[in-house]
Amino acid sequence: MSLLMERCPAEVTAARLTGLDTYTPLGPSANYTLPTEPEVVRAALELCAAQTAAGS
C-alpha cells in the first residue's frame, strides 16, 4: 500500500478490511476468520459508492 500511495499520480482512496480479531488457523479453518470474497467485494463497492457520493 505504501508504494501505491507514493507512486500514484493522483490521490488513492483505500480502506482496510480485516479478519476477526483472533489467530488465523492453517488450512480450511482459515476461511472462518479471514475475510471472504463476497466481503471484499462488498467493501470495495461501498468504498466506490462513498467516493461517488463525495464527488471524487
PDB file of N, CA and C in Angstrom:
ATOM      1  N   MET A   1       0.824  -1.181   0.000  1.00  0.00           N
ATOM      2  CA  MET A   1       0.000   0.000   0.000  1.00  0.00           C
ATOM      3  C   MET A   1       0.870   1.247   0.000  1.00  0.00           C
ATOM      4  N   SER A   2       1.955   1.228   0.734  1.00  0.00           N
ATOM      5  CA  SER A   2       2.809   2.418   0.788  1.00  0.00           C
ATOM      6  C   SER A   2       3.340   2.768  -0.593  1.00  0.00           C
ATOM      7  N   LEU A   3       3.813   1.773  -1.324  1.00  0.00           N
ATOM      8  CA  LEU A   3       4.345   2.020  -2.658  1.00  0.00           C
ATOM      9  C   LEU A   3       3.262   2.563  -3.583  1.00  0.00           C
ATOM     10  N   LEU A   4       2.082   2.025  -3.499  1.00  0.00           N
ATOM     11  CA  LEU A   4       0.962   2.510  -4.305  1.00  0.00           C
ATOM     12  C   LEU A   4       0.686   3.979  -3.998  1.00  0.00           C
ATOM     13  N   MET A   5       0.619   4.322  -2.730  1.00  0.00           N
ATOM     14  CA  MET A   5       0.344   5.698  -2.328  1.00  0.00           C
ATOM     15  C   MET A   5       1.464   6.647  -2.766  1.00  0.00           C
ATOM     16  N   GLU A   6       2.692   6.169  -2.682  1.00  0.00           N
ATOM     17  CA  GLU A   6       3.832   7.015  -3.032  1.00  0.00           C
ATOM     18  C   GLU A   6       3.944   7.260  -4.530  1.00  0.00           C
ATOM     19  N   ARG A   7       3.596   6.266  -5.347  1.00  0.00           N
ATOM     20  CA  ARG A   7       3.866   6.341  -6.775  1.00  0.00           C
ATOM     21  C   ARG A   7       2.679   6.723  -7.644  1.00  0.00           C
ATOM     22  N   CYS A   8       1.479   6.716  -7.131  1.00  0.00           N
ATOM     23  CA  CYS A   8       0.321   7.079  -7.950  1.00  0.00           C
ATOM     24  C   CYS A   8       0.304   8.583  -8.175  1.00  0.00           C
ATOM     25  N   PRO A   9       0.000   8.994  -9.416  1.00  0.00           N
ATOM     26  CA  PRO A   9      -0.009  10.425  -9.707  1.00  0.00           C
ATOM     27  C   PRO A   9      -1.199  11.156  -9.085  1.00  0.00           C
ATOM     28  N   ALA A  10      -2.233  10.444  -8.749  1.00  0.00           N
ATOM     29  CA  ALA A  10      -3.425  11.068  -8.165  1.00  0.00           C
ATOM     30  C   ALA A  10      -3.662  10.502  -6.771  1.00  0.00           C
ATOM     31  N   GLU A  11      -4.599  11.110  -6.065  1.00  0.00           N
ATOM     32  CA  GLU A  11      -4.948  10.629  -4.730  1.00  0.00           C
ATOM     33  C   GLU A  11      -5.563   9.237  -4.829  1.00  0.00           C
ATOM     34  N   VAL A  12      -5.158   8.368  -3.941  1.00  0.00           N
ATOM     35  CA  VAL A  12      -5.666   7.000  -3.909  1.00  0.00           C
ATOM     36  C   VAL A  12      -6.568   6.842  -2.694  1.00  0.00           C
ATOM     37  N   THR A  13      -7.760   6.331  -2.919  1.00  0.00           N
ATOM     38  CA  THR A  13      -8.659   6.048  -1.805  1.00  0.00           C
ATOM     39  C   THR A  13      -8.481   4.585  -1.433  1.00  0.00           C
ATOM     40  N   ALA A  14      -8.239   4.340  -0.173  1.00  0.00           N
ATOM     41  CA  ALA A  14      -8.011   2.968   0.285  1.00  0.00           C
ATOM     42  C   ALA A  14      -8.744   2.750   1.597  1.00  0.00           C
ATOM     43  N   ALA A  15      -9.013   1.505   1.880  1.00  0.00           N
ATOM     44  CA  ALA A  15      -9.643   1.121   3.144  1.00  0.00           C
ATOM     45  C   ALA A  15      -9.069  -0.225   3.567  1.00  0.00           C
ATOM     46  N   ARG A  16      -9.166  -0.493   4.825  1.00  0.00           N
ATOM     47  CA  ARG A  16      -8.660  -1.758   5.347  1.00  0.00           C
ATOM     48  C   ARG A  16      -9.828  -2.661   5.704  1.00  0.00           C
ATOM     49  N   LEU A  17      -9.740  -3.893   5.281  1.00  0.00           N
ATOM     50  CA  LEU A  17     -10.713  -4.919   5.640  1.00  0.00           C
ATOM     51  C   LEU A  17      -9.932  -6.015   6.342  1.00  0.00           C
ATOM     52  N   THR A  18     -10.281  -6.284   7.582  1.00  0.00           N
ATOM     53  CA  THR A  18      -9.520  -7.254   8.358  1.00  0.00           C
ATOM     54  C   THR A  18     -10.366  -8.468   8.698  1.00  0.00           C
ATOM     55  N   GLY A  19      -9.679  -9.510   9.090  1.00  0.00           N
ATOM     56  CA  GLY A  19     -10.361 -10.700   9.568  1.00  0.00           C
ATOM     57  C   GLY A  19     -10.762 -10.508  11.028  1.00  0.00           C
ATOM     58  N   LEU A  20     -11.287 -11.543  11.597  1.00  0.00           N
ATOM     59  CA  LEU A  20     -11.678 -11.496  13.004  1.00  0.00           C
ATOM     60  C   LEU A  20     -10.455 -11.280  13.880  1.00  0.00           C
ATOM     61  N   ASP A  21     -10.655 -10.722  15.045  1.00  0.00           N
ATOM     62  CA  ASP A  21      -9.575 -10.451  15.979  1.00  0.00           C
ATOM     63  C   ASP A  21      -9.210 -11.729  16.724  1.00  0.00           C
ATOM     64  N   THR A  22      -8.506 -12.588  16.034  1.00  0.00           N
ATOM     65  CA  THR A  22      -8.089 -13.869  16.594  1.00  0.00           C
ATOM     66  C   THR A  22      -6.911 -14.388  15.776  1.00  0.00           C
ATOM     67  N   TYR A  23      -6.293 -15.439  16.209  1.00  0.00           N
ATOM     68  CA  TYR A  23      -5.226 -16.025  15.407  1.00  0.00           C
ATOM     69  C   TYR A  23      -5.837 -16.623  14.141  1.00  0.00           C
ATOM     70  N   THR A  24      -5.042 -16.722  13.093  1.00  0.00           N
ATOM     71  CA  THR A  24      -5.530 -17.321  11.853  1.00  0.00           C
ATOM     72  C   THR A  24      -5.027 -18.750  11.777  1.00  0.00           C
ATOM     73  N   PRO A  25      -5.935 -19.704  11.841  1.00  0.00           N
ATOM     74  CA  PRO A  25      -5.521 -21.104  11.781  1.00  0.00           C
ATOM     75  C   PRO A  25      -5.055 -21.475  10.371  1.00  0.00           C
ATOM     76  N   LEU A  26      -4.396 -22.582  10.270  1.00  0.00           N
ATOM     77  CA  LEU A  26      -3.953 -23.078   8.973  1.00  0.00           C
ATOM     78  C   LEU A  26      -5.037 -23.934   8.332  1.00  0.00           C
ATOM     79  N   GLY A  27      -4.946 -24.091   7.039  1.00  0.00           N
ATOM     80  CA  GLY A  27      -5.858 -24.969   6.312  1.00  0.00           C
ATOM     81  C   GLY A  27      -7.236 -24.367   6.130  1.00  0.00           C
ATOM     82  N   PRO A  28      -8.221 -25.216   5.891  1.00  0.00           N
ATOM     83  CA  PRO A  28      -9.579 -24.749   5.621  1.00  0.00           C
ATOM     84  C   PRO A  28     -10.196 -23.941   6.761  1.00  0.00           C
ATOM     85  N   SER A  29      -9.715 -24.122   7.964  1.00  0.00           N
ATOM     86  CA  SER A  29     -10.262 -23.376   9.102  1.00  0.00           C
ATOM     87  C   SER A  29     -10.016 -21.874   8.972  1.00  0.00           C
ATOM     88  N   ALA A  30      -9.020 -21.484   8.180  1.00  0.00           N
ATOM     89  CA  ALA A  30      -8.735 -20.065   7.981  1.00  0.00           C
ATOM     90  C   ALA A  30      -9.925 -19.346   7.354  1.00  0.00           C
ATOM     91  N   ASN A  31     -10.754 -20.079   6.612  1.00  0.00           N
ATOM     92  CA  ASN A  31     -11.925 -19.474   5.973  1.00  0.00           C
ATOM     93  C   ASN A  31     -12.938 -18.936   6.980  1.00  0.00           C
ATOM     94  N   TYR A  32     -12.815 -19.338   8.217  1.00  0.00           N
ATOM     95  CA  TYR A  32     -13.752 -18.869   9.238  1.00  0.00           C
ATOM     96  C   TYR A  32     -13.303 -17.565   9.886  1.00  0.00           C
ATOM     97  N   THR A  33     -12.023 -17.186   9.699  1.00  0.00           N
ATOM     98  CA  THR A  33     -11.529 -15.973  10.342  1.00  0.00           C
ATOM     99  C   THR A  33     -11.103 -14.898   9.350  1.00  0.00           C
ATOM    100  N   LEU A  34     -10.729 -15.280   8.138  1.00  0.00           N
ATOM    101  CA  LEU A  34     -10.300 -14.312   7.133  1.00  0.00           C
ATOM    102  C   LEU A  34     -11.503 -13.758   6.381  1.00  0.00           C
ATOM    103  N   PRO A  35     -11.375 -12.545   5.824  1.00  0.00           N
ATOM    104  CA  PRO A  35     -12.476 -12.004   5.022  1.00  0.00           C
ATOM    105  C   PRO A  35     -12.745 -12.904   3.810  1.00  0.00           C
ATOM    106  N   THR A  36     -13.988 -13.051   3.473  1.00  0.00           N
ATOM    107  CA  THR A  36     -14.366 -13.870   2.327  1.00  0.00           C
ATOM    108  C   THR A  36     -14.395 -13.011   1.067  1.00  0.00           C
ATOM    109  N   GLU A  37     -14.435 -13.650  -0.072  1.00  0.00           N
ATOM    110  CA  GLU A  37     -14.501 -12.907  -1.335  1.00  0.00           C
ATOM    111  C   GLU A  37     -15.725 -11.992  -1.391  1.00  0.00           C
ATOM    112  N   PRO A  38     -16.920 -12.462  -0.999  1.00  0.00           N
ATOM    113  CA  PRO A  38     -18.068 -11.553  -1.003  1.00  0.00           C
ATOM    114  C   PRO A  38     -17.887 -10.347  -0.074  1.00  0.00           C
ATOM    115  N   GLU A  39     -17.219 -10.536   1.060  1.00  0.00           N
ATOM    116  CA  GLU A  39     -16.970  -9.415   1.972  1.00  0.00           C
ATOM    117  C   GLU A  39     -16.015  -8.399   1.342  1.00  0.00           C
ATOM    118  N   VAL A  40     -15.005  -8.883   0.618  1.00  0.00           N
ATOM    119  CA  VAL A  40     -14.059  -7.997  -0.047  1.00  0.00           C
ATOM    120  C   VAL A  40     -14.772  -7.207  -1.147  1.00  0.00           C
ATOM    121  N   VAL A  41     -15.597  -7.894  -1.929  1.00  0.00           N
ATOM    122  CA  VAL A  41     -16.347  -7.228  -2.998  1.00  0.00           C
ATOM    123  C   VAL A  41     -17.296  -6.185  -2.407  1.00  0.00           C
ATOM    124  N   ARG A  42     -18.012  -6.545  -1.337  1.00  0.00           N
ATOM    125  CA  ARG A  42     -18.934  -5.602  -0.696  1.00  0.00           C
ATOM    126  C   ARG A  42     -18.200  -4.357  -0.206  1.00  0.00           C
ATOM    127  N   ALA A  43     -17.050  -4.566   0.438  1.00  0.00           N
ATOM    128  CA  ALA A  43     -16.274  -3.431   0.951  1.00  0.00           C
ATOM    129  C   ALA A  43     -15.779  -2.548  -0.191  1.00  0.00           C
ATOM    130  N   ALA A  44     -15.364  -3.156  -1.299  1.00  0.00           N
ATOM    131  CA  ALA A  44     -14.903  -2.372  -2.451  1.00  0.00           C
ATOM    132  C   ALA A  44     -16.050  -1.571  -3.052  1.00  0.00           C
ATOM    133  N   LEU A  45     -17.219  -2.176  -3.166  1.00  0.00           N
ATOM    134  CA  LEU A  45     -18.378  -1.459  -3.709  1.00  0.00           C
ATOM    135  C   LEU A  45     -18.796  -0.312  -2.787  1.00  0.00           C
ATOM    136  N   GLU A  46     -18.726  -0.530  -1.482  1.00  0.00           N
ATOM    137  CA  GLU A  46     -19.046   0.540  -0.528  1.00  0.00           C
ATOM    138  C   GLU A  46     -18.050   1.686  -0.647  1.00  0.00           C
ATOM    139  N   LEU A  47     -16.781   1.368  -0.840  1.00  0.00           N
ATOM    140  CA  LEU A  47     -15.762   2.391  -0.999  1.00  0.00           C
ATOM    141  C   LEU A  47     -16.007   3.197  -2.279  1.00  0.00           C
ATOM    142  N   CYS A  48     -16.349   2.497  -3.362  1.00  0.00           N
ATOM    143  CA  CYS A  48     -16.659   3.188  -4.624  1.00  0.00           C
ATOM    144  C   CYS A  48     -17.889   4.070  -4.476  1.00  0.00           C
ATOM    145  N   ALA A  49     -18.907   3.568  -3.802  1.00  0.00           N
ATOM    146  CA  ALA A  49     -20.127   4.352  -3.606  1.00  0.00           C
ATOM    147  C   ALA A  49     -19.858   5.601  -2.775  1.00  0.00           C
ATOM    148  N   ALA A  50     -19.019   5.465  -1.764  1.00  0.00           N
ATOM    149  CA  ALA A  50     -18.672   6.618  -0.927  1.00  0.00           C
ATOM    150  C   ALA A  50     -17.926   7.662  -1.740  1.00  0.00           C
ATOM    151  N   GLN A  51     -17.040   7.217  -2.620  1.00  0.00           N
ATOM    152  CA  GLN A  51     -16.294   8.135  -3.475  1.00  0.00           C
ATOM    153  C   GLN A  51     -17.233   8.843  -4.449  1.00  0.00           C
ATOM    154  N   THR A  52     -18.168   8.101  -5.001  1.00  0.00           N
ATOM    155  CA  THR A  52     -19.136   8.680  -5.926  1.00  0.00           C
ATOM    156  C   THR A  52     -20.011   9.715  -5.222  1.00  0.00           C
ATOM    157  N   ALA A  53     -20.448   9.389  -4.016  1.00  0.00           N
ATOM    158  CA  ALA A  53     -21.275  10.301  -3.250  1.00  0.00           C
ATOM    159  C   ALA A  53     -20.516  11.564  -2.857  1.00  0.00           C
ATOM    160  N   ALA A  54     -19.211  11.414  -2.637  1.00  0.00           N
ATOM    161  CA  ALA A  54     -18.386  12.558  -2.248  1.00  0.00           C
ATOM    162  C   ALA A  54     -18.015  13.419  -3.461  1.00  0.00           C
ATOM    163  N   GLY A  55     -18.274  12.884  -4.651  1.00  0.00           N
ATOM    164  CA  GLY A  55     -17.994  13.648  -5.869  1.00  0.00           C
ATOM    165  C   GLY A  55     -16.553  13.581  -6.326  1.00  0.00           C
ATOM    166  N   SER A  56     -15.815  12.576  -5.864  1.00  0.00           N
ATOM    167  CA  SER A  56     -14.413  12.451  -6.279  1.00  0.00           C
ATOM    168  C   SER A  56     -14.273  11.565  -7.475  1.00  0.00           C
TER     169      SER A  56
END
